Structure formats: C-alpha cells, structure tokens
C-alpha cells in the first residue's frame, strides 16, 4: 500500500466504542494503536492502591502529583495481537477496567499536572506518525494537526447498555442504572473540566454509531483513511 504515514485521532464520550474501532482500524492498516484512556486509568489505579483517593476528601492532588515521575506506563503486545496496559512493569489491563477505576478516572484525569505528563508521553508515541490514538482530547490537544480526526458520538443510554453488557460478561456485579449514572457523570466532568475538555475538533469527521455495526464503522473509517492518506487500497490490506 503506497501511502504517507499519518496520525489518526479518534475522540468521543466514554463507552462510545471508540477504542474498539481504533484497535480494529490500526490492525487493519498496520498502524500502532495507543489507548490514551488506559493511561489515565493506570494513574487512577495507582491512586486507588495508594489511598490517594477516597469518597470523603476526593483526590489528594499533591500526593498524586508527587508520584507522577515514578509512574512508568506502557503497553505490552500479547500473543493474540492485543495490547495490555502496564504500570511499572505490571500487567494491569484487568484491574484498570473495573467500575471503581471508572468512577475515579475523570476526577484524576482533570488534574492539569496529570494531563501534562500523559500528553507529553502520547505526543512522543506519535512522533513518527503511523499511529491511531483514541481518547478525549487527541484531536484538539495532543495532535491538533492530525491528518485524520474522528469524533464518535452515541446516546448515554446506548453507551451505558454497551458498558453494562461488557461488565456482565466479565462477571462484575453492577446494575444498568449504576453504569448509566457513571456514564452521565463522566460526560459532565469530561466536558466541563478546565484542562483540555472533551469537545469536537472543528475539522473532525463526526461518526454517530448508535445504530452502526462494527463492520459498518470500520468500512467508514477505512474510506476516510484512504482519502486522508492517499492509500488507494486501504480496504484491501
């Protein structure tokens, strides 16, 4: 496939399916995939383990900020081709997907020092291009000049249902109402935070996936990739 390497930024609300489509797209076109949300979840897991957050006083920002330089966050490729998030060398992929982490990740992610550190790491990952990264502020803050930007949208109810089914499959005891409340709370925090709020980039392609299948989503992204990169055979790779 003769095409220039580009940066692909996929943003959207929590549980909108952006990570799934980003992984599929990266695998199909042979690009590196980076789940920026997993990086914030890893920091949140560290905070929970260290008692840096609690329901009464919230996040102990000075303690968390002091710990940031000692946190090594990476991604380990698995035999099946998937990626697991690592925290100081430990595979924490399962631990970062719990409801407890989901409940705290937005308050942690809105801390400017946390965002500054992780954005710097994310920009380093994309220095040589050929990357697909998803998150909340990839097309607006991390890679404002990305050649391909996508903003994924879906209703809170649809997103909550997807997340609920995912947690049920993993054996996590949680109700749909709890998940919906968490989705709405995260939407509010992510959209109103002072530092890099979630918003659609002006030049982003909007993908409403309320009723799209994964195959339809991928087909749409492949066509967009072909137009942005000059890859005539993007859908044949």
C-alpha atoms as a PDB file:
ATOM      1  CA  UNK A   1       0.000   0.000   0.000  1.00  0.00           C
ATOM      2  CA  UNK A   2       1.581   3.198  -1.174  1.00  0.00           C
ATOM      3  CA  UNK A   3       0.586   5.962   1.179  1.00  0.00           C
ATOM      4  CA  UNK A   4       2.055   8.516   3.520  1.00  0.00           C
ATOM      5  CA  UNK A   5       2.027   7.759   7.239  1.00  0.00           C
ATOM      6  CA  UNK A   6      -0.404   9.916   9.149  1.00  0.00           C
ATOM      7  CA  UNK A   7      -1.677  10.489  12.679  1.00  0.00           C
ATOM      8  CA  UNK A   8      -5.241   9.343  13.332  1.00  0.00           C
ATOM      9  CA  UNK A   9      -7.021  10.914  16.319  1.00  0.00           C
ATOM     10  CA  UNK A  10     -10.285   9.361  17.495  1.00  0.00           C
ATOM     11  CA  UNK A  11     -12.146  11.202  20.263  1.00  0.00           C
ATOM     12  CA  UNK A  12     -15.511  10.709  21.881  1.00  0.00           C
ATOM     13  CA  UNK A  13     -17.540  10.158  25.016  1.00  0.00           C
ATOM     14  CA  UNK A  14     -16.926   7.262  27.414  1.00  0.00           C
ATOM     15  CA  UNK A  15     -18.171   3.859  26.232  1.00  0.00           C
ATOM     16  CA  UNK A  16     -18.872   5.199  22.732  1.00  0.00           C
ATOM     17  CA  UNK A  17     -16.948   2.327  21.165  1.00  0.00           C
ATOM     18  CA  UNK A  18     -14.025   4.467  20.039  1.00  0.00           C
ATOM     19  CA  UNK A  19     -11.366   2.153  21.492  1.00  0.00           C
ATOM     20  CA  UNK A  20     -12.791  -0.876  19.724  1.00  0.00           C
ATOM     21  CA  UNK A  21     -12.933   0.872  16.371  1.00  0.00           C
ATOM     22  CA  UNK A  22      -9.485   2.410  16.871  1.00  0.00           C
ATOM     23  CA  UNK A  23      -7.976  -1.027  17.563  1.00  0.00           C
ATOM     24  CA  UNK A  24      -9.714  -2.529  14.546  1.00  0.00           C
ATOM     25  CA  UNK A  25      -8.565   0.272  12.271  1.00  0.00           C
ATOM     26  CA  UNK A  26      -4.963   0.136  13.500  1.00  0.00           C
ATOM     27  CA  UNK A  27      -4.798  -3.632  12.999  1.00  0.00           C
ATOM     28  CA  UNK A  28      -6.307  -3.385   9.520  1.00  0.00           C
ATOM     29  CA  UNK A  29      -3.935  -0.691   8.228  1.00  0.00           C
ATOM     30  CA  UNK A  30      -0.845  -1.839  10.132  1.00  0.00           C
ATOM     31  CA  UNK A  31      -0.580   1.183  12.448  1.00  0.00           C
ATOM     32  CA  UNK A  32       0.393   1.367  16.100  1.00  0.00           C
ATOM     33  CA  UNK A  33      -2.583   1.726  18.459  1.00  0.00           C
ATOM     34  CA  UNK A  34      -2.448   3.719  21.691  1.00  0.00           C
ATOM     35  CA  UNK A  35      -5.336   3.777  24.173  1.00  0.00           C
ATOM     36  CA  UNK A  36      -4.831   7.110  25.921  1.00  0.00           C
ATOM     37  CA  UNK A  37      -7.738   6.408  28.262  1.00  0.00           C
ATOM     38  CA  UNK A  38      -5.917   3.348  29.588  1.00  0.00           C
ATOM     39  CA  UNK A  39      -3.034   5.613  30.591  1.00  0.00           C
ATOM     40  CA  UNK A  40      -5.341   7.746  32.748  1.00  0.00           C
ATOM     41  CA  UNK A  41      -6.871   4.591  34.168  1.00  0.00           C
ATOM     42  CA  UNK A  42      -3.409   3.344  35.150  1.00  0.00           C
ATOM     43  CA  UNK A  43      -2.734   6.562  37.060  1.00  0.00           C
ATOM     44  CA  UNK A  44      -6.140   6.207  38.708  1.00  0.00           C
ATOM     45  CA  UNK A  45      -5.367   2.615  39.720  1.00  0.00           C
ATOM     46  CA  UNK A  46      -2.136   3.786  41.334  1.00  0.00           C
ATOM     47  CA  UNK A  47      -4.069   6.458  43.235  1.00  0.00           C
ATOM     48  CA  UNK A  48      -6.615   3.922  44.477  1.00  0.00           C
ATOM     49  CA  UNK A  49      -3.978   1.455  45.551  1.00  0.00           C
ATOM     50  CA  UNK A  50      -2.080   4.122  47.444  1.00  0.00           C
ATOM     51  CA  UNK A  51      -5.095   5.594  49.213  1.00  0.00           C
ATOM     52  CA  UNK A  52      -4.633   8.835  47.297  1.00  0.00           C
ATOM     53  CA  UNK A  53      -8.368   8.999  46.617  1.00  0.00           C
ATOM     54  CA  UNK A  54     -11.278   8.400  48.964  1.00  0.00           C
ATOM     55  CA  UNK A  55     -15.033   9.093  48.915  1.00  0.00           C
ATOM     56  CA  UNK A  56     -14.825  11.773  51.614  1.00  0.00           C
ATOM     57  CA  UNK A  57     -11.923  14.016  50.619  1.00  0.00           C
ATOM     58  CA  UNK A  58     -11.624  13.116  46.936  1.00  0.00           C
ATOM     59  CA  UNK A  59      -8.242  13.155  45.208  1.00  0.00           C
ATOM     60  CA  UNK A  60      -5.157  14.132  47.220  1.00  0.00           C
ATOM     61  CA  UNK A  61      -3.673  16.148  44.373  1.00  0.00           C
ATOM     62  CA  UNK A  62      -0.282  16.994  45.957  1.00  0.00           C
ATOM     63  CA  UNK A  63       0.390  13.322  46.706  1.00  0.00           C
ATOM     64  CA  UNK A  64      -0.609  12.187  43.231  1.00  0.00           C
ATOM     65  CA  UNK A  65       1.407  14.921  41.523  1.00  0.00           C
ATOM     66  CA  UNK A  66       4.452  13.966  43.603  1.00  0.00           C
ATOM     67  CA  UNK A  67       4.116  10.338  42.453  1.00  0.00           C
ATOM     68  CA  UNK A  68       3.804  11.081  38.722  1.00  0.00           C
ATOM     69  CA  UNK A  69       7.555  10.965  37.894  1.00  0.00           C
ATOM     70  CA  UNK A  70       7.788   7.449  39.322  1.00  0.00           C
ATOM     71  CA  UNK A  71       4.955   6.024  37.220  1.00  0.00           C
ATOM     72  CA  UNK A  72       6.016   4.108  34.109  1.00  0.00           C
ATOM     73  CA  UNK A  73       3.024   3.438  31.876  1.00  0.00           C
ATOM     74  CA  UNK A  74       3.380   1.271  28.798  1.00  0.00           C
ATOM     75  CA  UNK A  75       1.698  -1.270  26.540  1.00  0.00           C
ATOM     76  CA  UNK A  76       2.622  -4.939  26.197  1.00  0.00           C
ATOM     77  CA  UNK A  77       1.779  -6.779  22.986  1.00  0.00           C
ATOM     78  CA  UNK A  78       0.005 -10.088  23.602  1.00  0.00           C
ATOM     79  CA  UNK A  79       0.291 -13.306  21.545  1.00  0.00           C
ATOM     80  CA  UNK A  80      -3.187 -12.732  20.106  1.00  0.00           C
ATOM     81  CA  UNK A  81      -2.181  -9.295  18.855  1.00  0.00           C
ATOM     82  CA  UNK A  82      -3.974  -7.323  21.573  1.00  0.00           C
ATOM     83  CA  UNK A  83      -2.296  -4.823  23.892  1.00  0.00           C
ATOM     84  CA  UNK A  84      -2.292  -4.833  27.677  1.00  0.00           C
ATOM     85  CA  UNK A  85      -1.582  -1.743  29.738  1.00  0.00           C
ATOM     86  CA  UNK A  86       1.347  -1.952  32.145  1.00  0.00           C
ATOM     87  CA  UNK A  87       2.066   0.075  35.268  1.00  0.00           C
ATOM     88  CA  UNK A  88       5.688  -0.024  36.409  1.00  0.00           C
ATOM     89  CA  UNK A  89       6.095  -3.281  34.519  1.00  0.00           C
ATOM     90  CA  UNK A  90       2.939  -4.929  35.911  1.00  0.00           C
ATOM     91  CA  UNK A  91       0.140  -6.013  33.592  1.00  0.00           C
ATOM     92  CA  UNK A  92      -2.875  -4.107  34.950  1.00  0.00           C
ATOM     93  CA  UNK A  93      -5.235  -4.467  31.996  1.00  0.00           C
ATOM     94  CA  UNK A  94      -7.910  -6.248  34.023  1.00  0.00           C
ATOM     95  CA  UNK A  95      -7.586  -4.020  37.098  1.00  0.00           C
ATOM     96  CA  UNK A  96      -7.987  -0.739  35.193  1.00  0.00           C
ATOM     97  CA  UNK A  97     -11.326  -1.805  33.681  1.00  0.00           C
ATOM     98  CA  UNK A  98     -13.237  -2.084  36.959  1.00  0.00           C
ATOM     99  CA  UNK A  99     -16.146   0.162  37.934  1.00  0.00           C
ATOM    100  CA  UNK A 100     -14.086   1.522  40.835  1.00  0.00           C
ATOM    101  CA  UNK A 101     -11.466   2.835  38.426  1.00  0.00           C
ATOM    102  CA  UNK A 102     -14.202   4.100  36.086  1.00  0.00           C
ATOM    103  CA  UNK A 103     -15.719   6.057  38.952  1.00  0.00           C
ATOM    104  CA  UNK A 104     -12.472   7.889  39.696  1.00  0.00           C
ATOM    105  CA  UNK A 105     -10.760   8.247  36.346  1.00  0.00           C
ATOM    106  CA  UNK A 106     -12.451  11.520  35.343  1.00  0.00           C
ATOM    107  CA  UNK A 107     -11.571  13.360  38.606  1.00  0.00           C
ATOM    108  CA  UNK A 108      -7.984  12.146  38.237  1.00  0.00           C
ATOM    109  CA  UNK A 109      -7.807  12.992  34.544  1.00  0.00           C
ATOM    110  CA  UNK A 110      -8.933  16.582  35.068  1.00  0.00           C
ATOM    111  CA  UNK A 111      -5.820  17.384  37.144  1.00  0.00           C
ATOM    112  CA  UNK A 112      -3.606  19.594  34.915  1.00  0.00           C
ATOM    113  CA  UNK A 113      -0.310  18.014  36.009  1.00  0.00           C
ATOM    114  CA  UNK A 114      -1.620  14.544  35.194  1.00  0.00           C
ATOM    115  CA  UNK A 115      -2.744  15.653  31.755  1.00  0.00           C
ATOM    116  CA  UNK A 116       0.513  17.474  31.012  1.00  0.00           C
ATOM    117  CA  UNK A 117       2.597  14.404  31.805  1.00  0.00           C
ATOM    118  CA  UNK A 118       0.475  11.974  29.838  1.00  0.00           C
ATOM    119  CA  UNK A 119       0.024  14.299  26.863  1.00  0.00           C
ATOM    120  CA  UNK A 120       3.819  14.569  26.597  1.00  0.00           C
ATOM    121  CA  UNK A 121       4.075  10.760  26.540  1.00  0.00           C
ATOM    122  CA  UNK A 122       1.315  10.499  23.962  1.00  0.00           C
ATOM    123  CA  UNK A 123       2.975  13.054  21.688  1.00  0.00           C
ATOM    124  CA  UNK A 124       6.208  11.078  21.909  1.00  0.00           C
ATOM    125  CA  UNK A 125       4.378   7.944  20.769  1.00  0.00           C
ATOM    126  CA  UNK A 126       3.126   9.788  17.698  1.00  0.00           C
ATOM    127  CA  UNK A 127       6.386  11.475  16.751  1.00  0.00           C
ATOM    128  CA  UNK A 128       6.996   9.147  13.778  1.00  0.00           C
ATOM    129  CA  UNK A 129       3.316   9.009  12.771  1.00  0.00           C
ATOM    130  CA  UNK A 130       1.708   5.753  11.651  1.00  0.00           C
ATOM    131  CA  UNK A 131      -0.407   5.781  14.807  1.00  0.00           C
ATOM    132  CA  UNK A 132      -4.065   5.550  15.825  1.00  0.00           C
ATOM    133  CA  UNK A 133      -4.823   7.071  19.224  1.00  0.00           C
ATOM    134  CA  UNK A 134      -8.174   7.424  20.919  1.00  0.00           C
ATOM    135  CA  UNK A 135      -9.260   9.496  23.899  1.00  0.00           C
ATOM    136  CA  UNK A 136     -10.984  12.736  24.849  1.00  0.00           C
ATOM    137  CA  UNK A 137      -8.581  15.434  23.619  1.00  0.00           C
ATOM    138  CA  UNK A 138      -6.437  13.736  20.981  1.00  0.00           C
ATOM    139  CA  UNK A 139      -7.602  15.827  18.033  1.00  0.00           C
ATOM    140  CA  UNK A 140      -7.774  19.081  19.995  1.00  0.00           C
ATOM    141  CA  UNK A 141      -4.794  18.991  22.377  1.00  0.00           C
ATOM    142  CA  UNK A 142      -2.479  16.028  21.810  1.00  0.00           C
ATOM    143  CA  UNK A 143      -2.406  16.118  17.996  1.00  0.00           C
ATOM    144  CA  UNK A 144      -4.206  19.277  16.870  1.00  0.00           C
ATOM    145  CA  UNK A 145      -2.624  18.897  13.419  1.00  0.00           C
ATOM    146  CA  UNK A 146      -3.540  15.223  12.952  1.00  0.00           C
ATOM    147  CA  UNK A 147      -4.319  14.432   9.333  1.00  0.00           C
ATOM    148  CA  UNK A 148      -7.379  12.400  10.259  1.00  0.00           C
ATOM    149  CA  UNK A 149      -9.705  13.282  13.134  1.00  0.00           C
ATOM    150  CA  UNK A 150     -12.849  11.424  14.124  1.00  0.00           C
ATOM    151  CA  UNK A 151     -15.357  12.326  16.817  1.00  0.00           C
ATOM    152  CA  UNK A 152     -17.504   9.395  17.940  1.00  0.00           C
ATOM    153  CA  UNK A 153     -20.948  10.072  19.347  1.00  0.00           C
ATOM    154  CA  UNK A 154     -23.700   7.894  20.808  1.00  0.00           C
ATOM    155  CA  UNK A 155     -26.523   8.448  23.291  1.00  0.00           C
ATOM    156  CA  UNK A 156     -25.799   7.929  27.023  1.00  0.00           C
ATOM    157  CA  UNK A 157     -28.371   5.115  27.140  1.00  0.00           C
ATOM    158  CA  UNK A 158     -26.755   3.185  24.290  1.00  0.00           C
ATOM    159  CA  UNK A 159     -23.287   3.682  25.740  1.00  0.00           C
ATOM    160  CA  UNK A 160     -24.418   2.567  29.185  1.00  0.00           C
ATOM    161  CA  UNK A 161     -26.014  -0.566  27.738  1.00  0.00           C
ATOM    162  CA  UNK A 162     -22.771  -1.459  25.963  1.00  0.00           C
ATOM    163  CA  UNK A 163     -20.721  -0.920  29.090  1.00  0.00           C
ATOM    164  CA  UNK A 164     -23.210  -2.842  31.227  1.00  0.00           C
ATOM    165  CA  UNK A 165     -23.082  -5.883  28.927  1.00  0.00           C
ATOM    166  CA  UNK A 166     -19.277  -5.736  28.896  1.00  0.00           C
ATOM    167  CA  UNK A 167     -19.133  -5.731  32.706  1.00  0.00           C
ATOM    168  CA  UNK A 168     -21.707  -8.523  32.923  1.00  0.00           C
ATOM    169  CA  UNK A 169     -19.597 -10.673  30.598  1.00  0.00           C
ATOM    170  CA  UNK A 170     -16.642 -10.127  32.922  1.00  0.00           C
ATOM    171  CA  UNK A 171     -18.702 -11.167  35.924  1.00  0.00           C
ATOM    172  CA  UNK A 172     -18.734  -7.699  37.502  1.00  0.00           C
ATOM    173  CA  UNK A 173     -21.779  -7.235  39.779  1.00  0.00           C
ATOM    174  CA  UNK A 174     -23.274  -3.912  38.712  1.00  0.00           C
ATOM    175  CA  UNK A 175     -26.682  -2.588  37.681  1.00  0.00           C
ATOM    176  CA  UNK A 176     -27.543  -0.796  34.447  1.00  0.00           C
ATOM    177  CA  UNK A 177     -28.652   2.231  36.493  1.00  0.00           C
ATOM    178  CA  UNK A 178     -25.218   2.461  38.135  1.00  0.00           C
ATOM    179  CA  UNK A 179     -23.482   2.311  34.786  1.00  0.00           C
ATOM    180  CA  UNK A 180     -25.784   4.948  33.257  1.00  0.00           C
ATOM    181  CA  UNK A 181     -25.188   7.271  36.211  1.00  0.00           C
ATOM    182  CA  UNK A 182     -21.423   6.793  35.830  1.00  0.00           C
ATOM    183  CA  UNK A 183     -21.583   7.498  32.090  1.00  0.00           C
ATOM    184  CA  UNK A 184     -23.520  10.732  32.629  1.00  0.00           C
ATOM    185  CA  UNK A 185     -21.242  11.862  35.444  1.00  0.00           C
ATOM    186  CA  UNK A 186     -18.136  11.243  33.338  1.00  0.00           C
ATOM    187  CA  UNK A 187     -19.699  13.101  30.399  1.00  0.00           C
ATOM    188  CA  UNK A 188     -20.244  16.127  32.631  1.00  0.00           C
ATOM    189  CA  UNK A 189     -16.754  16.084  34.165  1.00  0.00           C
ATOM    190  CA  UNK A 190     -15.006  15.435  30.842  1.00  0.00           C
ATOM    191  CA  UNK A 191     -16.925  18.177  29.019  1.00  0.00           C
ATOM    192  CA  UNK A 192     -16.667  20.883  31.677  1.00  0.00           C
ATOM    193  CA  UNK A 193     -13.139  20.450  33.085  1.00  0.00           C
ATOM    194  CA  UNK A 194     -10.840  23.451  32.719  1.00  0.00           C
ATOM    195  CA  UNK A 195      -7.909  21.480  31.310  1.00  0.00           C
ATOM    196  CA  UNK A 196      -8.407  20.059  27.783  1.00  0.00           C
ATOM    197  CA  UNK A 197     -12.173  19.463  27.958  1.00  0.00           C
ATOM    198  CA  UNK A 198     -13.813  16.916  25.704  1.00  0.00           C
ATOM    199  CA  UNK A 199     -15.037  18.676  22.585  1.00  0.00           C
ATOM    200  CA  UNK A 200     -15.305  18.035  18.898  1.00  0.00           C
ATOM    201  CA  UNK A 201     -12.456  19.435  16.809  1.00  0.00           C
ATOM    202  CA  UNK A 202     -13.723  21.746  14.086  1.00  0.00           C
ATOM    203  CA  UNK A 203     -12.144  19.605  11.367  1.00  0.00           C
ATOM    204  CA  UNK A 204     -13.239  16.236  12.793  1.00  0.00           C
ATOM    205  CA  UNK A 205     -15.423  13.758  10.969  1.00  0.00           C
ATOM    206  CA  UNK A 206     -18.449  13.017  13.185  1.00  0.00           C
ATOM    207  CA  UNK A 207     -19.362   9.352  13.460  1.00  0.00           C
ATOM    208  CA  UNK A 208     -22.671   8.662  15.209  1.00  0.00           C
ATOM    209  CA  UNK A 209     -22.576   4.950  15.945  1.00  0.00           C
ATOM    210  CA  UNK A 210     -25.853   4.455  17.807  1.00  0.00           C
ATOM    211  CA  UNK A 211     -27.062   2.077  15.092  1.00  0.00           C
ATOM    212  CA  UNK A 212     -23.894   1.107  13.205  1.00  0.00           C
ATOM    213  CA  UNK A 213     -22.380  -2.373  13.285  1.00  0.00           C
ATOM    214  CA  UNK A 214     -18.642  -2.776  13.852  1.00  0.00           C
ATOM    215  CA  UNK A 215     -18.239  -3.704  10.188  1.00  0.00           C
ATOM    216  CA  UNK A 216     -20.008  -0.517   9.086  1.00  0.00           C
ATOM    217  CA  UNK A 217     -17.864   1.575  11.421  1.00  0.00           C
ATOM    218  CA  UNK A 218     -14.659   0.042  10.107  1.00  0.00           C
ATOM    219  CA  UNK A 219     -15.723   0.484   6.489  1.00  0.00           C
ATOM    220  CA  UNK A 220     -16.439   4.177   7.123  1.00  0.00           C
ATOM    221  CA  UNK A 221     -13.061   4.676   8.807  1.00  0.00           C
ATOM    222  CA  UNK A 222     -11.170   2.845   6.060  1.00  0.00           C
ATOM    223  CA  UNK A 223     -12.704   5.067   3.398  1.00  0.00           C
ATOM    224  CA  UNK A 224     -11.838   8.155   5.428  1.00  0.00           C
ATOM    225  CA  UNK A 225      -8.289   6.868   5.922  1.00  0.00           C
ATOM    226  CA  UNK A 226      -7.906   6.325   2.180  1.00  0.00           C
ATOM    227  CA  UNK A 227      -8.946   9.904   1.463  1.00  0.00           C
ATOM    228  CA  UNK A 228      -6.623  11.349   4.130  1.00  0.00           C
ATOM    229  CA  UNK A 229      -3.534   9.254   3.427  1.00  0.00           C
ATOM    230  CA  UNK A 230      -3.751   8.630  -0.311  1.00  0.00           C
ATOM    231  CA  UNK A 231      -3.974   4.886   0.315  1.00  0.00           C
ATOM    232  CA  UNK A 232      -5.804   3.613  -2.757  1.00  0.00           C
ATOM    233  CA  UNK A 233      -6.030   0.095  -1.364  1.00  0.00           C
ATOM    234  CA  UNK A 234      -6.796   0.913   2.271  1.00  0.00           C
ATOM    235  CA  UNK A 235      -9.716  -1.501   2.402  1.00  0.00           C
ATOM    236  CA  UNK A 236      -7.693  -4.365   0.882  1.00  0.00           C
ATOM    237  CA  UNK A 237      -4.875  -4.554   3.422  1.00  0.00           C
END
